[in-house]
N, C-alpha and C. Protein backbone atom coordinates (compact mmCIF):
# COMPACT_ATOMS: atom_id res chain seq x y z
N UNK A 1 -25.01 -22.29 -32.87
CA UNK A 1 -25.39 -21.04 -32.16
C UNK A 1 -25.21 -21.23 -30.67
N UNK A 2 -25.67 -22.40 -30.12
CA UNK A 2 -25.58 -22.67 -28.68
C UNK A 2 -24.07 -22.64 -28.26
N UNK A 3 -23.24 -23.16 -29.12
CA UNK A 3 -21.78 -23.19 -28.79
C UNK A 3 -21.20 -21.80 -28.68
N UNK A 4 -21.65 -20.94 -29.58
CA UNK A 4 -21.12 -19.54 -29.61
C UNK A 4 -21.60 -18.75 -28.38
N UNK A 5 -22.78 -19.05 -27.88
CA UNK A 5 -23.32 -18.42 -26.71
C UNK A 5 -22.48 -18.84 -25.52
N UNK A 6 -22.07 -20.10 -25.42
CA UNK A 6 -21.20 -20.58 -24.29
C UNK A 6 -19.87 -19.89 -24.36
N UNK A 7 -19.27 -19.82 -25.54
CA UNK A 7 -17.96 -19.19 -25.61
C UNK A 7 -17.99 -17.71 -25.23
N UNK A 8 -19.06 -17.03 -25.64
CA UNK A 8 -19.26 -15.61 -25.24
C UNK A 8 -19.45 -15.50 -23.72
N UNK A 9 -20.14 -16.41 -23.08
CA UNK A 9 -20.38 -16.35 -21.62
C UNK A 9 -19.06 -16.56 -20.94
N UNK A 10 -18.26 -17.53 -21.32
CA UNK A 10 -16.97 -17.83 -20.75
C UNK A 10 -16.08 -16.60 -20.96
N UNK A 11 -15.97 -16.00 -22.11
CA UNK A 11 -15.10 -14.90 -22.38
C UNK A 11 -15.55 -13.63 -21.42
N UNK A 12 -16.81 -13.45 -21.29
CA UNK A 12 -17.34 -12.41 -20.44
C UNK A 12 -16.96 -12.63 -18.96
N UNK A 13 -17.04 -13.88 -18.52
CA UNK A 13 -16.66 -14.22 -17.16
C UNK A 13 -15.20 -13.98 -16.88
N UNK A 14 -14.37 -14.31 -17.92
CA UNK A 14 -12.95 -14.16 -17.75
C UNK A 14 -12.50 -12.72 -17.67
N UNK A 15 -13.23 -11.87 -18.29
CA UNK A 15 -12.86 -10.42 -18.30
C UNK A 15 -13.22 -9.79 -16.96
N UNK A 16 -14.02 -10.31 -16.18
CA UNK A 16 -14.38 -9.77 -14.86
C UNK A 16 -13.31 -10.11 -13.86
N UNK A 17 -12.60 -11.19 -13.93
CA UNK A 17 -11.59 -11.58 -12.99
C UNK A 17 -10.52 -10.53 -12.76
N UNK A 18 -9.86 -10.00 -13.74
CA UNK A 18 -8.82 -8.95 -13.51
C UNK A 18 -9.33 -7.75 -12.81
N UNK A 19 -10.58 -7.38 -13.09
CA UNK A 19 -11.14 -6.17 -12.37
C UNK A 19 -11.33 -6.43 -10.98
N UNK A 20 -11.77 -7.60 -10.61
CA UNK A 20 -12.02 -7.95 -9.18
C UNK A 20 -10.62 -8.07 -8.44
N UNK A 21 -9.67 -8.67 -9.08
CA UNK A 21 -8.35 -8.79 -8.50
C UNK A 21 -7.67 -7.42 -8.28
N UNK A 22 -7.82 -6.46 -9.20
CA UNK A 22 -7.27 -5.18 -9.08
C UNK A 22 -7.95 -4.39 -7.95
N UNK A 23 -9.22 -4.66 -7.72
CA UNK A 23 -9.90 -3.86 -6.70
C UNK A 23 -9.50 -4.28 -5.29
N UNK A 24 -9.01 -5.45 -5.11
CA UNK A 24 -8.61 -5.96 -3.75
C UNK A 24 -7.16 -5.59 -3.49
N UNK A 25 -6.97 -4.95 -2.34
CA UNK A 25 -5.64 -4.63 -1.82
C UNK A 25 -5.11 -5.63 -0.93
N UNK A 26 -3.93 -6.18 -1.11
CA UNK A 26 -3.36 -7.14 -0.27
C UNK A 26 -2.86 -6.55 1.12
N UNK A 27 -3.04 -7.22 2.15
CA UNK A 27 -2.40 -6.73 3.43
C UNK A 27 -1.04 -7.22 3.53
N UNK A 28 -0.26 -6.51 4.38
CA UNK A 28 1.13 -7.01 4.57
C UNK A 28 1.24 -8.30 5.20
N UNK A 29 2.29 -9.03 4.96
CA UNK A 29 2.47 -10.39 5.61
C UNK A 29 2.47 -10.25 7.15
N UNK A 30 3.18 -9.34 7.71
CA UNK A 30 3.16 -9.03 9.11
C UNK A 30 2.48 -7.72 9.35
N UNK A 31 1.31 -7.79 10.03
CA UNK A 31 0.55 -6.62 10.27
C UNK A 31 1.30 -5.63 11.09
N UNK A 32 1.29 -4.32 10.71
CA UNK A 32 1.88 -3.37 11.59
C UNK A 32 1.21 -3.32 12.97
N UNK A 33 1.98 -3.12 13.95
CA UNK A 33 1.40 -3.10 15.33
C UNK A 33 1.11 -1.71 15.82
N UNK A 34 1.48 -0.72 15.14
CA UNK A 34 1.27 0.67 15.50
C UNK A 34 0.51 1.42 14.44
N UNK A 35 0.19 2.67 14.80
CA UNK A 35 -0.51 3.47 13.78
C UNK A 35 0.39 4.65 13.36
N UNK A 36 -0.01 5.29 12.26
CA UNK A 36 0.67 6.49 11.80
C UNK A 36 -0.26 7.30 10.96
N UNK A 37 0.12 8.55 10.78
CA UNK A 37 -0.59 9.38 9.84
C UNK A 37 0.43 10.31 9.16
N UNK A 38 0.18 10.60 7.83
CA UNK A 38 1.03 11.53 7.12
C UNK A 38 0.70 12.93 7.48
N UNK A 39 1.73 13.74 7.70
CA UNK A 39 1.55 15.15 8.12
C UNK A 39 1.53 16.08 6.89
N UNK A 40 1.72 15.53 5.73
CA UNK A 40 1.69 16.28 4.48
C UNK A 40 1.23 15.42 3.37
N UNK A 41 0.93 15.97 2.22
CA UNK A 41 0.42 15.23 1.07
C UNK A 41 1.63 15.01 0.08
N UNK A 42 1.66 13.79 -0.57
CA UNK A 42 2.66 13.52 -1.50
C UNK A 42 4.00 13.03 -0.88
N UNK A 43 3.88 12.49 0.39
CA UNK A 43 5.07 12.02 1.01
C UNK A 43 5.59 10.79 0.32
N UNK A 44 6.86 10.74 0.02
CA UNK A 44 7.42 9.52 -0.78
C UNK A 44 7.57 8.38 0.19
N UNK A 45 7.04 7.18 -0.32
CA UNK A 45 7.23 5.97 0.39
C UNK A 45 8.29 5.22 -0.39
N UNK A 46 9.42 4.99 0.25
CA UNK A 46 10.61 4.39 -0.40
C UNK A 46 10.76 2.87 -0.12
N UNK A 47 11.63 2.27 -0.91
CA UNK A 47 11.84 0.81 -0.79
C UNK A 47 12.85 0.52 0.30
N UNK A 48 13.61 1.44 0.76
CA UNK A 48 14.53 1.26 1.91
C UNK A 48 14.67 2.66 2.60
N UNK A 49 15.31 2.64 3.79
CA UNK A 49 15.39 3.86 4.57
C UNK A 49 16.42 4.79 4.16
N UNK A 50 16.38 5.31 2.96
CA UNK A 50 17.38 6.24 2.45
C UNK A 50 16.77 7.04 1.30
N UNK A 51 17.19 8.24 1.08
CA UNK A 51 16.70 9.04 -0.08
C UNK A 51 17.21 8.54 -1.42
N UNK A 52 18.23 7.65 -1.35
CA UNK A 52 18.77 7.09 -2.54
C UNK A 52 17.98 5.89 -3.07
N UNK A 53 16.93 5.45 -2.25
CA UNK A 53 16.17 4.28 -2.63
C UNK A 53 15.02 4.72 -3.46
N UNK A 54 14.54 3.80 -4.31
CA UNK A 54 13.42 4.10 -5.21
C UNK A 54 12.12 4.46 -4.46
N UNK A 55 11.30 5.18 -5.16
CA UNK A 55 9.93 5.53 -4.59
C UNK A 55 8.92 4.48 -4.99
N UNK A 56 8.25 3.87 -4.06
CA UNK A 56 7.20 2.85 -4.36
C UNK A 56 5.88 3.47 -4.47
N UNK A 57 5.65 4.68 -3.84
CA UNK A 57 4.32 5.27 -3.76
C UNK A 57 4.35 6.57 -3.07
N UNK A 58 3.19 7.22 -3.03
CA UNK A 58 3.08 8.55 -2.37
C UNK A 58 2.03 8.44 -1.28
N UNK A 59 2.26 9.02 -0.14
CA UNK A 59 1.39 9.04 1.00
C UNK A 59 0.68 10.38 1.12
N UNK A 60 -0.63 10.35 1.56
CA UNK A 60 -1.42 11.54 1.71
C UNK A 60 -2.06 11.54 3.07
N UNK A 61 -2.44 12.75 3.56
CA UNK A 61 -3.01 12.89 4.89
C UNK A 61 -4.30 12.02 5.07
N UNK A 62 -5.04 11.79 3.97
CA UNK A 62 -6.25 11.07 4.02
C UNK A 62 -6.10 9.53 4.06
N UNK A 63 -4.83 9.09 3.91
CA UNK A 63 -4.61 7.61 3.94
C UNK A 63 -4.55 7.03 5.35
N UNK A 64 -5.01 5.77 5.42
CA UNK A 64 -4.88 4.96 6.60
C UNK A 64 -3.50 4.30 6.60
N UNK A 65 -2.71 4.51 7.66
CA UNK A 65 -1.34 4.06 7.70
C UNK A 65 -1.04 3.25 8.97
N UNK A 66 -0.28 2.19 8.84
CA UNK A 66 0.23 1.43 9.94
C UNK A 66 1.74 1.65 10.06
N UNK A 67 2.23 1.50 11.31
CA UNK A 67 3.72 1.58 11.52
C UNK A 67 4.17 0.29 12.23
N UNK A 68 5.30 -0.23 11.73
CA UNK A 68 5.95 -1.41 12.27
C UNK A 68 6.70 -0.90 13.51
N UNK A 69 6.16 -1.01 14.68
CA UNK A 69 6.74 -0.42 15.95
C UNK A 69 8.18 -0.80 16.06
N UNK A 70 9.01 0.23 16.36
CA UNK A 70 10.41 0.04 16.56
C UNK A 70 11.25 0.08 15.34
N UNK A 71 10.62 0.01 14.17
CA UNK A 71 11.39 0.01 12.94
C UNK A 71 11.61 1.45 12.37
N UNK A 72 12.66 2.12 12.90
CA UNK A 72 13.06 3.41 12.43
C UNK A 72 14.57 3.38 12.23
N UNK A 73 14.92 3.80 10.98
CA UNK A 73 16.40 3.77 10.61
C UNK A 73 16.63 5.03 9.79
N UNK A 74 17.76 5.69 10.13
CA UNK A 74 18.18 6.88 9.29
C UNK A 74 17.07 7.87 9.16
N UNK A 75 16.27 8.09 10.21
CA UNK A 75 15.11 9.09 10.21
C UNK A 75 14.03 8.63 9.20
N UNK A 76 13.92 7.36 8.97
CA UNK A 76 12.83 6.80 8.20
C UNK A 76 12.06 5.75 9.03
N UNK A 77 10.78 5.74 8.97
CA UNK A 77 9.95 4.73 9.67
C UNK A 77 9.41 3.74 8.67
N UNK A 78 9.35 2.48 9.05
CA UNK A 78 8.79 1.44 8.20
C UNK A 78 7.29 1.46 8.39
N UNK A 79 6.60 1.74 7.27
CA UNK A 79 5.13 1.89 7.33
C UNK A 79 4.40 1.03 6.31
N UNK A 80 3.12 0.86 6.47
CA UNK A 80 2.31 0.20 5.52
C UNK A 80 1.11 1.13 5.26
N UNK A 81 0.93 1.56 4.00
CA UNK A 81 -0.17 2.36 3.59
C UNK A 81 -1.37 1.49 3.25
N UNK A 82 -2.36 1.39 4.03
CA UNK A 82 -3.54 0.48 3.80
C UNK A 82 -4.33 0.99 2.68
N UNK A 83 -4.34 2.27 2.44
CA UNK A 83 -5.16 2.85 1.34
C UNK A 83 -4.64 2.44 0.00
N UNK A 84 -3.31 2.35 -0.17
CA UNK A 84 -2.77 2.00 -1.51
C UNK A 84 -2.09 0.61 -1.55
N UNK A 85 -1.93 0.02 -0.42
CA UNK A 85 -1.31 -1.31 -0.37
C UNK A 85 0.22 -1.23 -0.48
N UNK A 86 0.83 -0.10 -0.20
CA UNK A 86 2.29 0.06 -0.37
C UNK A 86 2.97 -0.11 1.03
N UNK A 87 4.00 -1.00 1.02
CA UNK A 87 4.80 -1.21 2.21
C UNK A 87 6.12 -0.55 1.91
N UNK A 88 6.61 0.31 2.77
CA UNK A 88 7.94 0.87 2.60
C UNK A 88 8.31 1.84 3.72
N UNK A 89 9.18 2.74 3.43
CA UNK A 89 9.79 3.63 4.39
C UNK A 89 9.50 5.10 4.06
N UNK A 90 9.03 5.85 5.05
CA UNK A 90 8.77 7.26 4.91
C UNK A 90 9.58 8.08 5.89
N UNK A 91 9.97 9.28 5.52
CA UNK A 91 10.75 10.15 6.40
C UNK A 91 9.95 10.51 7.62
N UNK A 92 10.56 10.39 8.82
CA UNK A 92 9.84 10.58 10.01
C UNK A 92 9.37 12.07 10.18
N UNK A 93 9.99 12.96 9.52
CA UNK A 93 9.57 14.39 9.69
C UNK A 93 8.23 14.63 9.02
N UNK A 94 7.70 13.71 8.19
CA UNK A 94 6.41 13.80 7.57
C UNK A 94 5.36 12.86 8.19
N UNK A 95 5.70 12.22 9.35
CA UNK A 95 4.84 11.28 9.99
C UNK A 95 4.59 11.67 11.45
N UNK A 96 3.40 11.22 11.88
CA UNK A 96 3.13 11.12 13.28
C UNK A 96 2.82 9.64 13.53
N UNK A 97 3.55 9.00 14.44
CA UNK A 97 3.42 7.46 14.53
C UNK A 97 3.48 7.12 16.01
N UNK A 98 2.86 5.97 16.33
CA UNK A 98 2.75 5.50 17.75
C UNK A 98 2.57 3.97 17.73
N UNK A 99 2.89 3.37 18.91
CA UNK A 99 2.69 1.96 19.06
C UNK A 99 1.43 1.71 19.83
N UNK A 100 0.66 0.69 19.50
CA UNK A 100 -0.61 0.38 20.23
C UNK A 100 -0.27 -0.27 21.56
């Protein structure tokens, strides 16, 4: 019986680990040096600065966003969405961005 209690305790402890890992959002390797905000809801965050690139996530006005200063290509700005943990490119027409 004592052995079964230990196995149950270990199993319960192991089930908590994925929940804690999912709750933590990773920061980008290189922190954005500027700030940004989405001017609309549902802005597509893409994997590269083109409409032909895949969508990694969606940005909303309520999200906290950073901008990698100077990184603008093809009317897309390189951003990091701190709310969702998505690093990618968003169309500049849907962003207000600045350098600190």
